[in-house]
C-alpha atoms as a PDB file:
ATOM      1  CA  MET A   1      -4.162  12.450  -4.355  1.00  0.00           C
ATOM      2  CA  ARG A   2      -2.693   8.726  -5.018  1.00  0.00           C
ATOM      3  CA  ASN A   3      -3.940   6.474  -7.240  1.00  0.00           C
ATOM      4  CA  ALA A   4      -3.886   4.747 -10.351  1.00  0.00           C
ATOM      5  CA  THR A   5      -6.259   3.407 -12.639  1.00  0.00           C
ATOM      6  CA  ILE A   6      -6.034  -0.246 -14.512  1.00  0.00           C
ATOM      7  CA  ASN A   7      -7.737  -1.425 -17.391  1.00  0.00           C
ATOM      8  CA  ARG A   8      -6.504  -5.646 -17.874  1.00  0.00           C
ATOM      9  CA  THR A   9      -8.347  -7.864 -20.094  1.00  0.00           C
ATOM     10  CA  THR A  10      -7.412 -11.526 -21.644  1.00  0.00           C
ATOM     11  CA  LYS A  11      -9.132 -14.317 -23.041  1.00  0.00           C
ATOM     12  CA  GLU A  12     -10.490 -14.912 -19.190  1.00  0.00           C
ATOM     13  CA  THR A  13     -10.993 -11.667 -17.833  1.00  0.00           C
ATOM     14  CA  ALA A  14     -12.172  -8.085 -18.647  1.00  0.00           C
ATOM     15  CA  ILE A  15     -11.168  -5.486 -15.195  1.00  0.00           C
ATOM     16  CA  GLN A  16     -11.664  -1.928 -15.073  1.00  0.00           C
ATOM     17  CA  LEU A  17     -10.306  -0.622 -11.582  1.00  0.00           C
ATOM     18  CA  ASN A  18      -9.683   2.219 -10.008  1.00  0.00           C
ATOM     19  CA  PHE A  19      -7.923   2.972  -7.379  1.00  0.00           C
ATOM     20  CA  ALA A  20      -7.395   6.403  -4.514  1.00  0.00           C
ATOM     21  CA  ILE A  21      -4.378   5.433  -1.633  1.00  0.00           C
ATOM     22  CA  ASP A  22      -5.682   8.727   0.088  1.00  0.00           C
ATOM     23  CA  GLY A  23      -9.440   8.193  -0.062  1.00  0.00           C
ATOM     24  CA  LYS A  24     -12.803   7.692   2.355  1.00  0.00           C
ATOM     25  CA  GLY A  25     -13.214   4.090   2.006  1.00  0.00           C
ATOM     26  CA  THR A  26     -16.052   4.041  -0.661  1.00  0.00           C
ATOM     27  CA  SER A  27     -16.075   1.499  -2.929  1.00  0.00           C
ATOM     28  CA  SER A  28     -18.540   0.619  -6.033  1.00  0.00           C
ATOM     29  CA  ILE A  29     -17.388  -3.049  -6.660  1.00  0.00           C
ATOM     30  CA  ASN A  30     -18.709  -5.590  -8.982  1.00  0.00           C
ATOM     31  CA  THR A  31     -16.440  -8.835  -9.649  1.00  0.00           C
ATOM     32  CA  GLY A  32     -19.334 -11.620  -9.936  1.00  0.00           C
ATOM     33  CA  VAL A  33     -18.175 -13.244  -6.973  1.00  0.00           C
ATOM     34  CA  GLY A  34     -20.390 -11.788  -3.999  1.00  0.00           C
ATOM     35  CA  PHE A  35     -18.559 -13.214  -0.887  1.00  0.00           C
ATOM     36  CA  PHE A  36     -15.244 -11.420  -2.542  1.00  0.00           C
ATOM     37  CA  ASP A  37     -17.104  -8.282  -3.462  1.00  0.00           C
ATOM     38  CA  HIS A  38     -17.778  -8.175   0.562  1.00  0.00           C
ATOM     39  CA  MET A  39     -14.441  -8.669   1.557  1.00  0.00           C
ATOM     40  CA  LEU A  40     -13.191  -6.299  -0.607  1.00  0.00           C
ATOM     41  CA  THR A  41     -15.745  -3.555  -0.047  1.00  0.00           C
ATOM     42  CA  LEU A  42     -14.577  -3.962   4.205  1.00  0.00           C
ATOM     43  CA  MET A  43     -10.950  -3.978   2.853  1.00  0.00           C
ATOM     44  CA  THR A  44     -11.703  -0.309   1.170  1.00  0.00           C
ATOM     45  CA  LYS A  45     -13.695   0.792   4.221  1.00  0.00           C
ATOM     46  CA  HIS A  46     -10.851  -0.312   7.118  1.00  0.00           C
ATOM     47  CA  GLY A  47      -8.211   1.029   4.817  1.00  0.00           C
ATOM     48  CA  LEU A  48      -9.780   4.020   3.705  1.00  0.00           C
ATOM     49  CA  PHE A  49      -9.362   3.808   0.515  1.00  0.00           C
ATOM     50  CA  ASP A  50     -11.465   4.820  -2.464  1.00  0.00           C
ATOM     51  CA  LEU A  51     -11.800   1.532  -5.362  1.00  0.00           C
ATOM     52  CA  ASP A  52     -13.906   0.787  -8.271  1.00  0.00           C
ATOM     53  CA  VAL A  53     -13.566  -2.543  -9.659  1.00  0.00           C
ATOM     54  CA  GLN A  54     -15.999  -4.018 -12.377  1.00  0.00           C
ATOM     55  CA  CYS A  55     -15.054  -7.162 -13.790  1.00  0.00           C
ATOM     56  CA  ASP A  56     -16.220  -9.708 -16.496  1.00  0.00           C
ATOM     57  CA  GLY A  57     -14.670 -12.925 -15.810  1.00  0.00           C
ATOM     58  CA  ASP A  58     -15.323 -16.767 -17.129  1.00  0.00           C
ATOM     59  CA  LEU A  59     -17.373 -17.704 -13.990  1.00  0.00           C
ATOM     60  CA  GLU A  60     -18.465 -20.587 -16.211  1.00  0.00           C
ATOM     61  CA  VAL A  61     -15.451 -22.122 -15.183  1.00  0.00           C
ATOM     62  CA  ASP A  62     -15.038 -21.171 -11.819  1.00  0.00           C
ATOM     63  CA  GLN A  63     -13.925 -18.097  -9.700  1.00  0.00           C
ATOM     64  CA  HIS A  64     -10.355 -18.190 -10.164  1.00  0.00           C
ATOM     65  CA  HIS A  65      -9.716 -16.206 -12.698  1.00  0.00           C
ATOM     66  CA  SER A  66     -11.792 -13.727 -11.522  1.00  0.00           C
ATOM     67  CA  VAL A  67     -10.105 -13.333  -8.099  1.00  0.00           C
ATOM     68  CA  GLU A  68      -6.680 -13.708  -9.326  1.00  0.00           C
ATOM     69  CA  ASP A  69      -6.771 -11.295 -12.087  1.00  0.00           C
ATOM     70  CA  ILE A  70      -8.140  -8.543  -9.348  1.00  0.00           C
ATOM     71  CA  GLY A  71      -5.506  -9.255  -7.379  1.00  0.00           C
ATOM     72  CA  ILE A  72      -2.715  -8.885  -9.982  1.00  0.00           C
ATOM     73  CA  ALA A  73      -4.181  -5.051 -11.176  1.00  0.00           C
ATOM     74  CA  LEU A  74      -5.258  -3.726  -7.797  1.00  0.00           C
ATOM     75  CA  GLY A  75      -1.587  -4.832  -6.981  1.00  0.00           C
ATOM     76  CA  GLN A  76      -0.640  -2.922 -10.100  1.00  0.00           C
ATOM     77  CA  ALA A  77      -2.351   0.096  -9.009  1.00  0.00           C
ATOM     78  CA  PHE A  78      -1.255  -0.007  -5.377  1.00  0.00           C
ATOM     79  CA  ASN A  79       2.270   0.273  -6.839  1.00  0.00           C
ATOM     80  CA  GLU A  80       1.570   2.457  -9.600  1.00  0.00           C
ATOM     81  CA  ALA A  81      -0.425   4.805  -7.247  1.00  0.00           C
ATOM     82  CA  LEU A  82       2.530   4.849  -4.083  1.00  0.00           C
ATOM     83  CA  GLU A  83       4.733   7.179  -6.638  1.00  0.00           C
ATOM     84  CA  ASN A  84       8.028   7.478  -6.026  1.00  0.00           C
ATOM     85  CA  LYS A  85       7.739   6.083  -2.063  1.00  0.00           C
ATOM     86  CA  GLU A  86       9.395   9.379  -0.983  1.00  0.00           C
ATOM     87  CA  GLY A  87       7.796  10.129   2.910  1.00  0.00           C
ATOM     88  CA  ILE A  88       5.857   6.559   3.532  1.00  0.00           C
ATOM     89  CA  THR A  89       5.779   4.884   6.987  1.00  0.00           C
ATOM     90  CA  ARG A  90       6.790   1.210   4.751  1.00  0.00           C
ATOM     91  CA  TYR A  91       5.816  -0.813   7.440  1.00  0.00           C
ATOM     92  CA  ALA A  92       2.989  -1.980   9.232  1.00  0.00           C
ATOM     93  CA  ASN A  93       1.482  -4.807  11.857  1.00  0.00           C
ATOM     94  CA  ILE A  94      -2.000  -4.734  12.297  1.00  0.00           C
ATOM     95  CA  THR A  95      -4.077  -7.130  14.622  1.00  0.00           C
ATOM     96  CA  THR A  96      -7.545  -7.954  13.984  1.00  0.00           C
ATOM     97  CA  PRO A  97     -10.374 -10.090  15.744  1.00  0.00           C
ATOM     98  CA  MET A  98     -13.141 -10.983  14.462  1.00  0.00           C
ATOM     99  CA  ASP A  99     -15.704 -12.176  16.912  1.00  0.00           C
ATOM    100  CA  GLU A 100     -13.589 -15.595  17.894  1.00  0.00           C
ATOM    101  CA  ALA A 101     -10.977 -15.326  14.681  1.00  0.00           C
ATOM    102  CA  LEU A 102      -7.787 -13.110  15.396  1.00  0.00           C
ATOM    103  CA  SER A 103      -5.390 -12.674  12.697  1.00  0.00           C
ATOM    104  CA  THR A 104      -2.069 -10.413  12.163  1.00  0.00           C
ATOM    105  CA  VAL A 105      -1.411  -8.759   9.152  1.00  0.00           C
ATOM    106  CA  THR A 106       2.612  -7.798   8.836  1.00  0.00           C
ATOM    107  CA  LEU A 107       3.447  -5.607   5.584  1.00  0.00           C
ATOM    108  CA  ASP A 108       6.630  -4.121   4.367  1.00  0.00           C
ATOM    109  CA  ILE A 109       6.767  -2.088   1.208  1.00  0.00           C
ATOM    110  CA  SER A 110       9.999  -3.132   0.094  1.00  0.00           C
ATOM    111  CA  GLY A 111       9.988  -3.779  -3.693  1.00  0.00           C
ATOM    112  CA  ARG A 112      10.142  -7.459  -3.218  1.00  0.00           C
ATOM    113  CA  SER A 113       7.516  -9.683  -3.509  1.00  0.00           C
ATOM    114  CA  TYR A 114       6.619 -12.150  -1.207  1.00  0.00           C
ATOM    115  CA  LEU A 115       3.906 -13.949   0.529  1.00  0.00           C
ATOM    116  CA  VAL A 116       3.695 -15.588   3.973  1.00  0.00           C
ATOM    117  CA  PHE A 117       0.345 -17.371   4.557  1.00  0.00           C
ATOM    118  CA  ASN A 118      -0.502 -19.369   7.887  1.00  0.00           C
ATOM    119  CA  VAL A 119      -3.787 -19.613   7.570  1.00  0.00           C
ATOM    120  CA  ASP A 120      -5.408 -23.318   8.251  1.00  0.00           C
ATOM    121  CA  GLY A 121      -8.857 -24.604   9.161  1.00  0.00           C
ATOM    122  CA  LEU A 122     -11.106 -22.974   6.635  1.00  0.00           C
ATOM    123  CA  LYS A 123     -13.435 -24.828   5.256  1.00  0.00           C
ATOM    124  CA  ASP A 124     -13.347 -25.261   1.733  1.00  0.00           C
ATOM    125  CA  LYS A 125     -16.404 -22.860   1.044  1.00  0.00           C
ATOM    126  CA  VAL A 126     -18.055 -19.916   2.230  1.00  0.00           C
ATOM    127  CA  GLY A 127     -21.439 -20.403   0.190  1.00  0.00           C
ATOM    128  CA  ASN A 128     -20.181 -20.956  -3.307  1.00  0.00           C
ATOM    129  CA  PHE A 129     -16.709 -19.048  -2.340  1.00  0.00           C
ATOM    130  CA  ASP A 130     -14.004 -21.273  -2.600  1.00  0.00           C
ATOM    131  CA  THR A 131     -11.510 -20.246   0.134  1.00  0.00           C
ATOM    132  CA  GLU A 132      -8.337 -21.563  -1.771  1.00  0.00           C
ATOM    133  CA  LEU A 133      -8.885 -18.349  -3.570  1.00  0.00           C
ATOM    134  CA  VAL A 134      -8.126 -15.887  -0.974  1.00  0.00           C
ATOM    135  CA  GLU A 135      -4.316 -17.090  -0.625  1.00  0.00           C
ATOM    136  CA  GLU A 136      -4.026 -16.344  -4.824  1.00  0.00           C
ATOM    137  CA  PHE A 137      -5.332 -13.175  -4.074  1.00  0.00           C
ATOM    138  CA  PHE A 138      -2.837 -12.301  -1.636  1.00  0.00           C
ATOM    139  CA  GLN A 139      -0.111 -14.089  -3.613  1.00  0.00           C
ATOM    140  CA  ALA A 140      -1.283 -12.001  -7.028  1.00  0.00           C
ATOM    141  CA  PHE A 141      -1.585  -9.013  -5.063  1.00  0.00           C
ATOM    142  CA  VAL A 142       2.286  -9.317  -3.426  1.00  0.00           C
ATOM    143  CA  SER A 143       3.681 -10.598  -6.757  1.00  0.00           C
ATOM    144  CA  ASN A 144       2.306  -6.802  -8.667  1.00  0.00           C
ATOM    145  CA  ALA A 145       2.637  -4.621  -5.679  1.00  0.00           C
ATOM    146  CA  LYS A 146       6.295  -5.810  -4.969  1.00  0.00           C
ATOM    147  CA  VAL A 147       5.365  -6.156  -0.777  1.00  0.00           C
ATOM    148  CA  ASN A 148       6.187  -7.981   1.422  1.00  0.00           C
ATOM    149  CA  LEU A 149       3.275  -9.480   3.139  1.00  0.00           C
ATOM    150  CA  HIS A 150       2.529 -12.117   6.035  1.00  0.00           C
ATOM    151  CA  ILE A 151      -1.076 -13.645   7.265  1.00  0.00           C
ATOM    152  CA  ASN A 152      -0.896 -15.105  10.345  1.00  0.00           C
ATOM    153  CA  ILE A 153      -4.339 -16.508  12.052  1.00  0.00           C
ATOM    154  CA  GLU A 154      -3.340 -16.585  15.907  1.00  0.00           C
ATOM    155  CA  TYR A 155      -7.346 -19.008  16.349  1.00  0.00           C
ATOM    156  CA  GLY A 156     -10.629 -18.984  14.644  1.00  0.00           C
ATOM    157  CA  ARG A 157     -13.377 -21.574  14.228  1.00  0.00           C
ATOM    158  CA  ASN A 158     -15.604 -19.791  11.791  1.00  0.00           C
ATOM    159  CA  THR A 159     -14.466 -19.790   8.151  1.00  0.00           C
ATOM    160  CA  HIS A 160     -16.015 -16.547   7.471  1.00  0.00           C
ATOM    161  CA  HIS A 161     -14.760 -14.433  10.179  1.00  0.00           C
ATOM    162  CA  ILE A 162     -11.160 -16.184   9.631  1.00  0.00           C
ATOM    163  CA  ILE A 163     -11.687 -14.596   6.248  1.00  0.00           C
ATOM    164  CA  GLU A 164     -13.001 -11.049   6.888  1.00  0.00           C
ATOM    165  CA  SER A 165     -10.270 -10.442   9.953  1.00  0.00           C
ATOM    166  CA  ILE A 166      -7.663 -11.064   7.278  1.00  0.00           C
ATOM    167  CA  PHE A 167      -9.501  -8.537   4.705  1.00  0.00           C
ATOM    168  CA  LYS A 168     -10.150  -5.869   7.199  1.00  0.00           C
ATOM    169  CA  GLY A 169      -6.401  -6.213   8.569  1.00  0.00           C
ATOM    170  CA  PHE A 170      -4.737  -6.292   5.197  1.00  0.00           C
ATOM    171  CA  GLY A 171      -6.830  -2.902   4.407  1.00  0.00           C
ATOM    172  CA  ARG A 172      -5.216  -1.348   7.660  1.00  0.00           C
ATOM    173  CA  ALA A 173      -2.216  -2.407   7.164  1.00  0.00           C
ATOM    174  CA  LEU A 174      -2.302  -1.235   3.806  1.00  0.00           C
ATOM    175  CA  ASP A 175      -3.165   2.237   4.751  1.00  0.00           C
ATOM    176  CA  GLN A 176      -0.949   2.218   7.760  1.00  0.00           C
ATOM    177  CA  ALA A 177       2.028   1.581   5.546  1.00  0.00           C
ATOM    178  CA  SER A 178       1.527   3.514   2.512  1.00  0.00           C
ATOM    179  CA  MET A 179       0.858   6.913   4.999  1.00  0.00           C
ATOM    180  CA  ILE A 180       3.247  10.020   4.455  1.00  0.00           C
ATOM    181  CA  ASN A 181       5.175  10.082   7.606  1.00  0.00           C
ATOM    182  CA  PRO A 182       6.345  14.024   7.996  1.00  0.00           C
ATOM    183  CA  ARG A 183       9.796  13.145   9.492  1.00  0.00           C
ATOM    184  CA  ILE A 184      11.192  10.965   6.680  1.00  0.00           C
ATOM    185  CA  GLU A 185      13.093  12.392   3.976  1.00  0.00           C
ATOM    186  CA  GLY A 186      13.165  10.493   0.710  1.00  0.00           C
ATOM    187  CA  VAL A 187      12.634   6.929   0.514  1.00  0.00           C
ATOM    188  CA  PRO A 188      12.810   5.056   3.666  1.00  0.00           C
ATOM    189  CA  SER A 189      15.710   2.713   2.786  1.00  0.00           C
ATOM    190  CA  THR A 190      19.335   2.896   3.648  1.00  0.00           C
ATOM    191  CA  LYS A 191      19.552   1.863  -0.048  1.00  0.00           C
ATOM    192  CA  GLY A 192      18.187   4.862  -1.619  1.00  0.00           C
ATOM    193  CA  SER A 193      15.393   3.202  -3.107  1.00  0.00           C
ATOM    194  CA  LEU A 194      12.880   0.729  -3.229  1.00  0.00           C
END
């Protein structure tokens, strides 16, 4: 099983994270940020990963450090769990509806970090969750996972639905791109490395 454990402690957060690519969609997530827990649970379920996250963050300041640092730890875990990347599908393009919202998530496990985040129209908050942190999470993830990630919202009105569509699609794209394809020999790159 391709998996990784990340323990990350700073003056702002203490994170214990266990991640398995070839899982069953089970999770145990406690970040102290309820809406974010919900999104990570959806990502895990629809990506068929196994994910355990415990985060003790400085929520008395705000949610920023916890969300960003979990993005860092999850990106590190995903990159480590991929091992040598031999046989992976590498690419994914997933479109996901959530009621009136529709998102497209496109992913390349390229070894190069780049985020395109075309998401307009979010309200400032869902409950007490700062929605600007969605982009911060994905930026932290791609920087540490070393992937190219494009997130585009086609349309949507409800902020919860838009973000939920993104996280479900993100899980599905990670799953598809990291799948082992028996027809692929070695690393899927003409350079011979990713």
